[in-house]
Structure formats: C-alpha cells, structure tokens
Amino acid sequence: MMNIAALQAAVTAAAFDGEPSDAELDAIEWEMPLILAEVDLLDAQITVLDRPLTELDERRLRRSRKRVLAARRDLTNRAATLTDGAA
C-alpha cells in the first residue's frame, strides 16, 4: 500500500484566512466610485419594479445611468493613464 500523506502536504495550498489581500483592497478602493454608482442604479431600478414609471422615476434612472457611465469612463481613463505612464 502506498503512503500518500507526504504527497498530500505538497499538494495542499496554504491556509486561507478569509481576509482580502492588500492588493484586493486597493482594487476595491480604486473601483469604489463605480461600485457606488452601480448600487445607486440598482436601487433606482428596484424602486420602480412594481409600479408604473413617473417622470421623477425616469429622471432618477437616467441620472443613475449617467453616473455609472461617467464612473466607468473615469476608471478607464485612469487605468489608461497608468499604463501609458508605465510604458
């Protein structure tokens, strides 16, 4: 019979502590304006799910969509600036 205990230790990854790494926290902080804009859009969409749209609801949805697009644009421009400067 073959002993696999030694092989098991070599295959097993390091223990996962469940906490995000510093790099993951930096990425979350970097994307936070986009995350908040998407949460706002989702909130506006959920609000109007079970009722007809009023003019105020339409404006709120339109503003939320614009914020998401602006946050995506800003995030993309910042990423492009960093890659251009590093090259």
Protein backbone atom coordinates (compact mmCIF):
# COMPACT_ATOMS: atom_id res chain seq x y z
CA MET A 1 0.00 0.00 0.00
CA MET A 2 1.32 3.42 -0.95
CA ASN A 3 1.57 6.16 1.66
CA ILE A 4 0.11 9.42 0.29
CA ALA A 5 0.48 11.59 3.38
CA ALA A 6 3.69 13.16 2.09
CA LEU A 7 2.07 13.91 -1.26
CA GLN A 8 -0.93 15.47 0.44
CA ALA A 9 1.17 18.10 2.20
CA ALA A 10 2.85 19.09 -1.07
CA VAL A 11 -0.48 19.47 -2.87
CA THR A 12 -2.37 21.32 -0.15
CA ALA A 13 -2.28 25.09 -0.52
CA ALA A 14 -1.51 27.43 2.32
CA ALA A 15 -4.34 28.02 4.75
CA PHE A 16 -6.83 30.66 3.59
CA ASP A 17 -7.59 33.13 6.35
CA GLY A 18 -10.66 34.59 4.59
CA GLU A 19 -9.36 38.15 4.54
CA PRO A 20 -8.70 40.09 1.31
CA SER A 21 -5.11 40.87 0.48
CA ASP A 22 -3.75 44.41 0.30
CA ALA A 23 -3.86 44.26 -3.50
CA GLU A 24 -7.52 43.23 -3.44
CA LEU A 25 -8.37 46.04 -1.03
CA ASP A 26 -6.57 48.53 -3.27
CA ALA A 27 -8.54 47.29 -6.29
CA ILE A 28 -11.82 47.65 -4.40
CA GLU A 29 -10.89 51.19 -3.31
CA TRP A 30 -9.87 52.01 -6.91
CA GLU A 31 -13.28 50.86 -8.22
CA MET A 32 -15.39 52.27 -5.36
CA PRO A 33 -16.91 55.21 -7.33
CA LEU A 34 -18.14 52.75 -9.97
CA ILE A 35 -19.43 50.33 -7.34
CA LEU A 36 -21.39 53.09 -5.60
CA ALA A 37 -22.84 54.34 -8.90
CA GLU A 38 -23.94 50.80 -9.82
CA VAL A 39 -25.54 50.35 -6.38
CA ASP A 40 -27.43 53.61 -6.88
CA LEU A 41 -28.64 52.46 -10.31
CA LEU A 42 -29.72 49.12 -8.91
CA ASP A 43 -31.60 50.87 -6.12
CA ALA A 44 -33.41 53.06 -8.66
CA GLN A 45 -34.29 50.02 -10.77
CA ILE A 46 -35.61 48.08 -7.77
CA THR A 47 -37.72 51.05 -6.71
CA VAL A 48 -39.67 51.07 -9.98
CA LEU A 49 -40.11 47.32 -10.40
CA ASP A 50 -43.66 47.08 -9.12
CA ARG A 51 -45.17 50.37 -10.22
CA PRO A 52 -45.53 52.47 -13.37
CA LEU A 53 -42.74 54.95 -14.04
CA THR A 54 -43.36 58.53 -13.10
CA GLU A 55 -41.43 61.43 -14.55
CA LEU A 56 -39.40 61.62 -11.34
CA ASP A 57 -38.54 57.90 -11.59
CA GLU A 58 -37.42 58.33 -15.19
CA ARG A 59 -35.14 61.21 -14.18
CA ARG A 60 -33.67 59.21 -11.31
CA LEU A 61 -32.96 56.25 -13.60
CA ARG A 62 -31.43 58.49 -16.26
CA ARG A 63 -29.20 60.26 -13.70
CA SER A 64 -28.12 56.91 -12.24
CA ARG A 65 -27.24 55.54 -15.68
CA LYS A 66 -25.24 58.70 -16.42
CA ARG A 67 -23.32 58.32 -13.14
CA VAL A 68 -22.46 54.71 -13.97
CA LEU A 69 -21.24 55.66 -17.43
CA ALA A 70 -19.21 58.57 -16.05
CA ALA A 71 -17.65 56.36 -13.36
CA ARG A 72 -16.75 53.72 -15.96
CA ARG A 73 -15.23 56.38 -18.20
CA ASP A 74 -13.19 57.84 -15.35
CA LEU A 75 -12.00 54.40 -14.26
CA THR A 76 -10.98 53.51 -17.81
CA ASN A 77 -9.19 56.83 -18.28
CA ARG A 78 -7.29 56.43 -15.01
CA ALA A 79 -6.25 52.88 -15.98
CA ALA A 80 -5.13 54.09 -19.42
CA THR A 81 -3.14 56.92 -17.86
CA LEU A 82 -1.33 54.49 -15.59
CA THR A 83 -0.48 52.06 -18.38
CA ASP A 84 0.68 54.87 -20.68
CA GLY A 85 2.89 56.32 -17.96
CA ALA A 86 4.41 52.91 -17.16
CA ALA A 87 5.35 52.16 -20.76
